Amino acid sequence: MSRGFVKEDDQEEIPIVPPRADLPEGVTNYVTPVGMNQLLEEKQSLINERDNLDAINEKERRIVVNHINAKLQLLQNRITTAKVVDLENQPQQEVRFGATVTLKIGNDKNFQKYQIVGVDEADIAKGKISFISPIARLLTNKKVGEQAILKIATGERVFEVIKITYL
């Protein structure tokens, strides 16, 4: 039947789901054990939300269920492609995925601490940066005492590795 003869009320809304954090094509989806647990908890939360949905009417319920299912599909793809990195097996004297790095940035007297994590786990407010970020890439393979230099529009920013830990 032509869409011209369908009542407007019968048309399902296509759910618009924001994409997950960017993971470039061909890049391995590394996650920390904590990050994997967060993904699994998020999945369970979405399933619970869908299963316990209180909707005013059936149409509204279908729209919300479609939206949750679309989010679950994106999330399931991340879970399926995730490669959990055992932090105990990382070289403890070098900055690698999962490392928590204490840095001296430029002439700042205060140190900054960041953990290098997966893209879904990254949250700068919590001191977690994605392994594909420019800073994480610069710091990878550095040892205590070594510096990484980031070129920025106003010159350079120097990051000195003060401490490396794997928690």
C-alpha atoms as a PDB file:
ATOM      1  CA  MET A   1       0.000   0.000   0.000  1.00  0.00           C
ATOM      2  CA  SER A   2       1.254   3.484  -0.800  1.00  0.00           C
ATOM      3  CA  ARG A   3       2.271   5.603   2.214  1.00  0.00           C
ATOM      4  CA  GLY A   4      -0.178   8.212   0.907  1.00  0.00           C
ATOM      5  CA  PHE A   5      -3.099   6.063   2.060  1.00  0.00           C
ATOM      6  CA  VAL A   6      -1.820   5.400   5.574  1.00  0.00           C
ATOM      7  CA  LYS A   7      -3.218   7.407   8.454  1.00  0.00           C
ATOM      8  CA  GLU A   8      -0.646   9.678  10.038  1.00  0.00           C
ATOM      9  CA  ASP A   9      -1.310   8.093  13.453  1.00  0.00           C
ATOM     10  CA  ASP A  10      -0.287   4.675  12.080  1.00  0.00           C
ATOM     11  CA  GLN A  11       3.254   5.756  11.216  1.00  0.00           C
ATOM     12  CA  GLU A  12       5.931   4.656  13.689  1.00  0.00           C
ATOM     13  CA  GLU A  13       8.464   7.229  14.686  1.00  0.00           C
ATOM     14  CA  ILE A  14      12.005   6.174  13.866  1.00  0.00           C
ATOM     15  CA  PRO A  15      14.036   6.464  17.070  1.00  0.00           C
ATOM     16  CA  ILE A  16      16.920   8.900  16.923  1.00  0.00           C
ATOM     17  CA  VAL A  17      19.675   7.519  19.098  1.00  0.00           C
ATOM     18  CA  PRO A  18      22.831   9.534  19.670  1.00  0.00           C
ATOM     19  CA  PRO A  19      25.953   7.626  18.672  1.00  0.00           C
ATOM     20  CA  ARG A  20      28.275   6.217  21.311  1.00  0.00           C
ATOM     21  CA  ALA A  21      31.734   7.684  21.837  1.00  0.00           C
ATOM     22  CA  ASP A  22      33.712   7.739  18.600  1.00  0.00           C
ATOM     23  CA  LEU A  23      35.809   4.679  17.855  1.00  0.00           C
ATOM     24  CA  PRO A  24      37.446   4.997  14.425  1.00  0.00           C
ATOM     25  CA  GLU A  25      36.945   2.171  11.937  1.00  0.00           C
ATOM     26  CA  GLY A  26      39.586  -0.516  12.330  1.00  0.00           C
ATOM     27  CA  VAL A  27      40.655   0.543  15.861  1.00  0.00           C
ATOM     28  CA  THR A  28      40.443  -2.219  18.469  1.00  0.00           C
ATOM     29  CA  ASN A  29      37.825  -1.516  21.158  1.00  0.00           C
ATOM     30  CA  TYR A  30      40.096  -1.824  24.217  1.00  0.00           C
ATOM     31  CA  VAL A  31      38.389  -1.637  27.611  1.00  0.00           C
ATOM     32  CA  THR A  32      39.564  -1.920  31.193  1.00  0.00           C
ATOM     33  CA  PRO A  33      37.873  -4.531  33.417  1.00  0.00           C
ATOM     34  CA  VAL A  34      36.017  -1.636  35.107  1.00  0.00           C
ATOM     35  CA  GLY A  35      34.953  -0.327  31.702  1.00  0.00           C
ATOM     36  CA  MET A  36      33.586  -3.733  30.698  1.00  0.00           C
ATOM     37  CA  ASN A  37      31.598  -3.934  33.941  1.00  0.00           C
ATOM     38  CA  GLN A  38      30.177  -0.475  33.238  1.00  0.00           C
ATOM     39  CA  LEU A  39      29.069  -1.567  29.751  1.00  0.00           C
ATOM     40  CA  LEU A  40      27.387  -4.682  31.155  1.00  0.00           C
ATOM     41  CA  GLU A  41      25.689  -2.650  33.909  1.00  0.00           C
ATOM     42  CA  GLU A  42      24.451  -0.157  31.319  1.00  0.00           C
ATOM     43  CA  LYS A  43      23.030  -3.028  29.261  1.00  0.00           C
ATOM     44  CA  GLN A  44      21.222  -4.490  32.282  1.00  0.00           C
ATOM     45  CA  SER A  45      19.874  -1.052  33.191  1.00  0.00           C
ATOM     46  CA  LEU A  46      18.436  -0.587  29.681  1.00  0.00           C
ATOM     47  CA  ILE A  47      16.891  -4.067  29.759  1.00  0.00           C
ATOM     48  CA  ASN A  48      15.321  -3.321  33.150  1.00  0.00           C
ATOM     49  CA  GLU A  49      14.013   0.013  31.877  1.00  0.00           C
ATOM     50  CA  ARG A  50      12.457  -1.661  28.846  1.00  0.00           C
ATOM     51  CA  ASP A  51      10.948  -4.523  30.864  1.00  0.00           C
ATOM     52  CA  ASN A  52       9.477  -2.229  33.532  1.00  0.00           C
ATOM     53  CA  LEU A  53       8.169   0.426  31.184  1.00  0.00           C
ATOM     54  CA  ASP A  54       5.026   2.275  32.210  1.00  0.00           C
ATOM     55  CA  ALA A  55       3.567   3.935  29.163  1.00  0.00           C
ATOM     56  CA  ILE A  56       0.345   5.845  28.802  1.00  0.00           C
ATOM     57  CA  ASN A  57      -0.697   4.003  25.649  1.00  0.00           C
ATOM     58  CA  GLU A  58       0.529   1.242  23.350  1.00  0.00           C
ATOM     59  CA  LYS A  59       1.856   3.616  20.679  1.00  0.00           C
ATOM     60  CA  GLU A  60       3.935   5.509  23.234  1.00  0.00           C
ATOM     61  CA  ARG A  61       5.197   2.216  24.639  1.00  0.00           C
ATOM     62  CA  ARG A  62       6.267   0.969  21.182  1.00  0.00           C
ATOM     63  CA  ILE A  63       8.146   4.201  20.506  1.00  0.00           C
ATOM     64  CA  VAL A  64      10.017   4.009  23.824  1.00  0.00           C
ATOM     65  CA  VAL A  65      10.753   0.285  23.387  1.00  0.00           C
ATOM     66  CA  ASN A  66      12.107   0.952  19.865  1.00  0.00           C
ATOM     67  CA  HIS A  67      14.345   3.699  21.260  1.00  0.00           C
ATOM     68  CA  ILE A  68      15.694   1.464  24.048  1.00  0.00           C
ATOM     69  CA  ASN A  69      16.218  -1.420  21.602  1.00  0.00           C
ATOM     70  CA  ALA A  70      18.191   0.872  19.285  1.00  0.00           C
ATOM     71  CA  LYS A  71      20.414   1.941  22.220  1.00  0.00           C
ATOM     72  CA  LEU A  72      20.832  -1.713  23.219  1.00  0.00           C
ATOM     73  CA  GLN A  73      21.900  -2.621  19.692  1.00  0.00           C
ATOM     74  CA  LEU A  74      24.679   0.014  19.703  1.00  0.00           C
ATOM     75  CA  LEU A  75      25.733  -1.032  23.195  1.00  0.00           C
ATOM     76  CA  GLN A  76      25.743  -4.733  22.325  1.00  0.00           C
ATOM     77  CA  ASN A  77      28.047  -4.001  19.395  1.00  0.00           C
ATOM     78  CA  ARG A  78      30.498  -2.331  21.793  1.00  0.00           C
ATOM     79  CA  ILE A  79      30.300  -5.236  24.226  1.00  0.00           C
ATOM     80  CA  THR A  80      30.802  -7.797  21.459  1.00  0.00           C
ATOM     81  CA  THR A  81      33.843  -6.008  20.032  1.00  0.00           C
ATOM     82  CA  ALA A  82      35.399  -5.174  23.419  1.00  0.00           C
ATOM     83  CA  LYS A  83      38.860  -6.510  24.181  1.00  0.00           C
ATOM     84  CA  VAL A  84      39.417  -6.434  27.941  1.00  0.00           C
ATOM     85  CA  VAL A  85      43.006  -5.562  28.851  1.00  0.00           C
ATOM     86  CA  ASP A  86      44.385  -7.176  32.008  1.00  0.00           C
ATOM     87  CA  LEU A  87      46.164  -4.289  33.706  1.00  0.00           C
ATOM     88  CA  GLU A  88      48.432  -6.629  35.681  1.00  0.00           C
ATOM     89  CA  ASN A  89      49.974  -7.832  32.400  1.00  0.00           C
ATOM     90  CA  GLN A  90      50.858  -4.330  31.221  1.00  0.00           C
ATOM     91  CA  PRO A  91      54.541  -3.301  31.461  1.00  0.00           C
ATOM     92  CA  GLN A  92      54.412  -1.577  34.866  1.00  0.00           C
ATOM     93  CA  GLN A  93      57.286   0.822  34.115  1.00  0.00           C
ATOM     94  CA  GLU A  94      55.748   2.200  30.895  1.00  0.00           C
ATOM     95  CA  VAL A  95      52.621   4.147  30.072  1.00  0.00           C
ATOM     96  CA  ARG A  96      50.214   1.817  28.314  1.00  0.00           C
ATOM     97  CA  PHE A  97      46.473   1.267  28.137  1.00  0.00           C
ATOM     98  CA  GLY A  98      44.972   1.298  31.630  1.00  0.00           C
ATOM     99  CA  ALA A  99      47.838   3.205  33.234  1.00  0.00           C
ATOM    100  CA  THR A 100      47.129   5.948  35.712  1.00  0.00           C
ATOM    101  CA  VAL A 101      49.739   8.591  34.962  1.00  0.00           C
ATOM    102  CA  THR A 102      50.742  11.437  37.245  1.00  0.00           C
ATOM    103  CA  LEU A 103      51.956  14.346  35.127  1.00  0.00           C
ATOM    104  CA  LYS A 104      53.683  17.666  35.556  1.00  0.00           C
ATOM    105  CA  ILE A 105      52.288  19.884  32.829  1.00  0.00           C
ATOM    106  CA  GLY A 106      54.492  22.774  31.779  1.00  0.00           C
ATOM    107  CA  ASN A 107      55.537  24.961  34.721  1.00  0.00           C
ATOM    108  CA  ASP A 108      52.452  24.105  36.779  1.00  0.00           C
ATOM    109  CA  LYS A 109      53.456  23.202  40.339  1.00  0.00           C
ATOM    110  CA  ASN A 110      50.364  20.988  40.799  1.00  0.00           C
ATOM    111  CA  PHE A 111      50.444  17.512  39.324  1.00  0.00           C
ATOM    112  CA  GLN A 112      47.577  16.115  37.232  1.00  0.00           C
ATOM    113  CA  LYS A 113      46.533  12.468  37.253  1.00  0.00           C
ATOM    114  CA  TYR A 114      44.859  10.697  34.319  1.00  0.00           C
ATOM    115  CA  GLN A 115      43.989   7.097  33.544  1.00  0.00           C
ATOM    116  CA  ILE A 116      44.127   5.922  29.929  1.00  0.00           C
ATOM    117  CA  VAL A 117      40.912   4.009  29.239  1.00  0.00           C
ATOM    118  CA  GLY A 118      38.519   2.886  26.500  1.00  0.00           C
ATOM    119  CA  VAL A 119      36.407   5.356  24.535  1.00  0.00           C
ATOM    120  CA  ASP A 120      33.159   4.527  26.364  1.00  0.00           C
ATOM    121  CA  GLU A 121      34.828   4.880  29.751  1.00  0.00           C
ATOM    122  CA  ALA A 122      36.558   8.217  29.076  1.00  0.00           C
ATOM    123  CA  ASP A 123      35.400  11.111  31.268  1.00  0.00           C
ATOM    124  CA  ILE A 124      37.803  14.013  31.708  1.00  0.00           C
ATOM    125  CA  ALA A 125      35.905  15.174  34.819  1.00  0.00           C
ATOM    126  CA  LYS A 126      36.879  11.842  36.430  1.00  0.00           C
ATOM    127  CA  GLY A 127      40.461  11.988  35.153  1.00  0.00           C
ATOM    128  CA  LYS A 128      39.890   9.311  32.491  1.00  0.00           C
ATOM    129  CA  ILE A 129      41.106   9.936  28.951  1.00  0.00           C
ATOM    130  CA  SER A 130      40.526   7.816  25.867  1.00  0.00           C
ATOM    131  CA  PHE A 131      43.451   5.794  24.541  1.00  0.00           C
ATOM    132  CA  ILE A 132      42.879   7.383  21.119  1.00  0.00           C
ATOM    133  CA  SER A 133      43.174  10.951  22.446  1.00  0.00           C
ATOM    134  CA  PRO A 134      46.227  12.949  21.331  1.00  0.00           C
ATOM    135  CA  ILE A 135      47.601  13.166  24.886  1.00  0.00           C
ATOM    136  CA  ALA A 136      47.241   9.416  25.506  1.00  0.00           C
ATOM    137  CA  ARG A 137      48.973   8.675  22.210  1.00  0.00           C
ATOM    138  CA  LEU A 138      51.861  11.003  23.129  1.00  0.00           C
ATOM    139  CA  LEU A 139      52.262   9.412  26.559  1.00  0.00           C
ATOM    140  CA  THR A 140      52.142   5.782  25.393  1.00  0.00           C
ATOM    141  CA  ASN A 141      55.483   3.974  25.937  1.00  0.00           C
ATOM    142  CA  LYS A 142      56.885   6.809  28.077  1.00  0.00           C
ATOM    143  CA  LYS A 143      58.636   6.022  31.369  1.00  0.00           C
ATOM    144  CA  VAL A 144      58.937   7.992  34.606  1.00  0.00           C
ATOM    145  CA  GLY A 145      61.053  11.103  34.015  1.00  0.00           C
ATOM    146  CA  GLU A 146      60.389  11.203  30.270  1.00  0.00           C
ATOM    147  CA  GLN A 147      58.570  14.030  28.556  1.00  0.00           C
ATOM    148  CA  ALA A 148      55.945  14.209  25.850  1.00  0.00           C
ATOM    149  CA  ILE A 149      55.507  17.415  23.878  1.00  0.00           C
ATOM    150  CA  LEU A 150      52.141  18.412  22.449  1.00  0.00           C
ATOM    151  CA  LYS A 151      52.240  21.078  19.766  1.00  0.00           C
ATOM    152  CA  ILE A 152      49.363  23.537  20.154  1.00  0.00           C
ATOM    153  CA  ALA A 153      48.435  26.775  18.390  1.00  0.00           C
ATOM    154  CA  THR A 154      50.220  28.902  20.990  1.00  0.00           C
ATOM    155  CA  GLY A 155      53.398  26.801  21.027  1.00  0.00           C
ATOM    156  CA  GLU A 156      54.091  23.620  22.924  1.00  0.00           C
ATOM    157  CA  ARG A 157      52.810  21.969  26.077  1.00  0.00           C
ATOM    158  CA  VAL A 158      55.252  19.706  27.877  1.00  0.00           C
ATOM    159  CA  PHE A 159      54.020  16.709  29.891  1.00  0.00           C
ATOM    160  CA  GLU A 160      56.528  15.103  32.232  1.00  0.00           C
ATOM    161  CA  VAL A 161      55.720  11.625  33.546  1.00  0.00           C
ATOM    162  CA  ILE A 162      56.075  11.674  37.342  1.00  0.00           C
ATOM    163  CA  LYS A 163      54.469   8.345  38.291  1.00  0.00           C
ATOM    164  CA  ILE A 164      52.840   5.336  36.569  1.00  0.00           C
ATOM    165  CA  THR A 165      50.451   2.949  38.322  1.00  0.00           C
ATOM    166  CA  TYR A 166      48.035   0.261  37.222  1.00  0.00           C
ATOM    167  CA  LEU A 167      45.033  -0.101  39.535  1.00  0.00           C
END
